[in-house]
Amino acid sequence: MTIVIRPADPRDADPLGQLGTMLMQTHYDFDPQRFLAPGPGARSGYAGFLVSRLESHDERVFVAEEDGTIVGYVYVALEPLSWKELRGPAGFVHDVAVTDAARRHGVGTQLMEAALGWLRERGAPRVILWTAARNEDAQSVFRKLGFRETMREMTLEL
């Protein structure tokens, strides 16, 4: 499997929307009370959101491409100091998604390495991400890249 990692461009909107919807469904399957269901319009909505980030100086979307087909993406941003989150400036990995067929071939790791490199080039002092509690496969990749657990989200339905 030969993968090319590159910055996303507007022509990638449809596969980005498809992958974003897959990401939504995965999280919804983990916990339907916590996460949004990928209802009508999710694919175009997610695609529109990611494409709207492409011109940002402080955000980047990278795609993984195999033989002209997008098989994954990562969405990363530079974030300012946050009193709310009790942290200084940081890079933040918002999304990582890889198709089922491309998993366990290093695609997620390559996407993360591209994102981390972009953040390093911009002077991010640290990188933060959130991962679904039940997403053990992703957590394994993140640990191998050197991430450590620092917070746990807890949810109470009212």
Protein backbone atom coordinates (compact mmCIF):
# COMPACT_ATOMS: atom_id res chain seq x y z
CA MET A 1 0.00 0.00 0.00
CA THR A 2 1.62 3.26 -1.18
CA ILE A 3 0.09 6.24 0.56
CA VAL A 4 0.65 9.91 -0.28
CA ILE A 5 -0.09 12.41 2.48
CA ARG A 6 -0.90 15.89 1.20
CA PRO A 7 -2.85 19.00 2.20
CA ALA A 8 -6.51 18.68 1.31
CA ASP A 9 -8.01 20.87 -1.39
CA PRO A 10 -11.61 21.73 -2.30
CA ARG A 11 -11.78 18.84 -4.79
CA ASP A 12 -11.55 16.49 -1.80
CA ALA A 13 -14.90 17.67 -0.39
CA ASP A 14 -16.92 14.54 -1.20
CA PRO A 15 -14.49 11.99 0.29
CA LEU A 16 -13.94 14.28 3.29
CA GLY A 17 -17.69 14.38 3.83
CA GLN A 18 -17.88 10.60 3.52
CA LEU A 19 -15.06 10.11 6.02
CA GLY A 20 -16.52 12.71 8.39
CA THR A 21 -19.85 10.88 8.30
CA MET A 22 -18.04 7.61 9.01
CA LEU A 23 -16.34 9.29 11.98
CA MET A 24 -19.71 10.52 13.25
CA GLN A 25 -21.24 7.04 12.90
CA THR A 26 -18.33 5.41 14.72
CA HIS A 27 -18.69 7.79 17.65
CA TYR A 28 -22.47 7.49 17.65
CA ASP A 29 -22.10 3.70 17.80
CA PHE A 30 -19.78 4.10 20.80
CA ASP A 31 -22.32 6.21 22.72
CA PRO A 32 -25.54 7.37 21.04
CA GLN A 33 -26.44 9.59 24.00
CA ARG A 34 -23.19 11.57 23.80
CA PHE A 35 -22.47 11.83 20.08
CA LEU A 36 -24.48 13.19 17.16
CA ALA A 37 -26.10 10.75 14.76
CA PRO A 38 -25.05 11.25 11.14
CA GLY A 39 -28.48 12.24 9.88
CA PRO A 40 -29.54 13.74 6.55
CA GLY A 41 -27.12 16.41 5.44
CA ALA A 42 -24.25 15.14 7.60
CA ARG A 43 -22.06 14.29 4.62
CA SER A 44 -22.42 17.66 2.91
CA GLY A 45 -22.33 19.51 6.23
CA TYR A 46 -19.11 17.86 7.33
CA ALA A 47 -17.57 18.34 3.89
CA GLY A 48 -18.49 22.02 3.94
CA PHE A 49 -17.05 22.46 7.41
CA LEU A 50 -13.70 20.84 6.53
CA VAL A 51 -13.41 22.68 3.20
CA SER A 52 -14.08 25.96 5.05
CA ARG A 53 -10.92 25.29 7.10
CA LEU A 54 -8.62 24.92 4.09
CA GLU A 55 -7.72 28.62 3.78
CA SER A 56 -7.10 29.12 7.50
CA HIS A 57 -3.58 30.05 8.56
CA ASP A 58 -4.06 28.25 11.91
CA GLU A 59 -5.77 25.08 10.71
CA ARG A 60 -4.84 22.30 8.32
CA VAL A 61 -6.53 19.26 6.83
CA PHE A 62 -4.28 16.57 5.40
CA VAL A 63 -5.54 13.64 3.35
CA ALA A 64 -4.09 10.19 2.77
CA GLU A 65 -4.40 9.15 -0.85
CA GLU A 66 -3.89 5.72 -2.38
CA ASP A 67 -4.00 5.45 -6.17
CA GLY A 68 -6.11 8.60 -6.45
CA THR A 69 -8.55 7.54 -3.70
CA ILE A 70 -8.77 9.38 -0.37
CA VAL A 71 -8.49 6.76 2.41
CA GLY A 72 -8.12 9.04 5.43
CA TYR A 73 -7.72 12.55 6.75
CA VAL A 74 -6.57 14.48 9.80
CA TYR A 75 -7.82 17.91 10.87
CA VAL A 76 -5.45 19.87 13.11
CA ALA A 77 -5.33 23.43 14.45
CA LEU A 78 -3.23 25.83 16.48
CA GLU A 79 -5.19 26.84 19.57
CA PRO A 80 -4.52 29.84 21.85
CA LEU A 81 -4.21 29.82 25.63
CA SER A 82 -7.45 28.57 27.22
CA TRP A 83 -8.40 29.57 30.74
CA LYS A 84 -11.44 27.32 30.36
CA GLU A 85 -9.26 24.27 29.68
CA LEU A 86 -6.44 25.34 32.05
CA ARG A 87 -3.77 25.10 29.36
CA GLY A 88 -1.40 27.21 27.39
CA PRO A 89 -1.22 27.47 23.61
CA ALA A 90 -1.30 24.08 21.92
CA GLY A 91 -1.81 22.20 18.74
CA PHE A 92 -5.09 20.31 18.72
CA VAL A 93 -5.89 17.23 16.63
CA HIS A 94 -9.63 17.49 16.07
CA ASP A 95 -10.21 14.53 13.73
CA VAL A 96 -8.41 11.49 12.44
CA ALA A 97 -10.35 9.15 10.19
CA VAL A 98 -9.20 6.20 8.09
CA THR A 99 -11.36 3.91 5.95
CA ASP A 100 -11.85 0.35 7.17
CA ALA A 101 -9.88 -1.03 4.22
CA ALA A 102 -6.85 1.18 4.95
CA ARG A 103 -6.68 0.53 8.69
CA ARG A 104 -3.72 -1.34 10.18
CA HIS A 105 -1.47 -0.22 7.31
CA GLY A 106 0.06 2.80 9.07
CA VAL A 107 -2.21 5.36 7.42
CA GLY A 108 -3.34 6.88 10.72
CA THR A 109 0.26 7.11 11.90
CA GLN A 110 1.33 8.81 8.66
CA LEU A 111 -1.52 11.31 8.94
CA MET A 112 -0.64 12.03 12.56
CA GLU A 113 3.05 12.47 11.70
CA ALA A 114 2.10 15.01 9.00
CA ALA A 115 -0.09 16.88 11.49
CA LEU A 116 2.58 16.82 14.20
CA GLY A 117 5.20 18.05 11.73
CA TRP A 118 2.96 20.93 10.67
CA LEU A 119 2.40 21.88 14.31
CA ARG A 120 6.13 21.68 15.10
CA GLU A 121 6.91 23.98 12.16
CA ARG A 122 4.51 26.51 13.65
CA GLY A 123 6.02 26.35 17.12
CA ALA A 124 3.23 24.52 18.96
CA PRO A 125 4.66 23.64 22.39
CA ARG A 126 2.38 20.62 22.85
CA VAL A 127 -0.37 18.72 21.06
CA ILE A 128 -3.68 17.74 22.60
CA LEU A 129 -6.39 15.47 21.29
CA TRP A 130 -9.54 13.80 22.53
CA THR A 131 -10.39 10.20 21.82
CA ALA A 132 -13.58 8.29 22.47
CA ALA A 133 -13.24 6.19 25.63
CA ARG A 134 -14.07 3.01 23.70
CA ASN A 135 -11.73 3.74 20.76
CA GLU A 136 -8.87 1.52 21.92
CA ASP A 137 -7.35 1.14 18.44
CA ALA A 138 -6.89 4.90 18.09
CA GLN A 139 -5.58 5.19 21.64
CA SER A 140 -2.94 2.58 20.84
CA VAL A 141 -1.74 4.62 17.84
CA PHE A 142 -1.65 7.80 19.93
CA ARG A 143 0.34 6.11 22.73
CA LYS A 144 2.87 4.78 20.20
CA LEU A 145 3.33 8.36 19.00
CA GLY A 146 4.11 9.45 22.58
CA PHE A 147 0.76 10.83 23.77
CA ARG A 148 -0.16 10.39 27.42
CA GLU A 149 -3.58 10.51 29.05
CA THR A 150 -4.23 13.77 30.90
CA MET A 151 -8.01 14.18 31.17
CA ARG A 152 -11.18 12.09 31.14
CA GLU A 153 -14.49 13.42 29.89
CA MET A 154 -17.54 12.34 31.86
CA THR A 155 -21.13 12.80 30.74
CA LEU A 156 -24.40 12.84 32.67
CA GLU A 157 -27.68 12.81 30.78
CA LEU A 158 -30.31 15.07 32.35
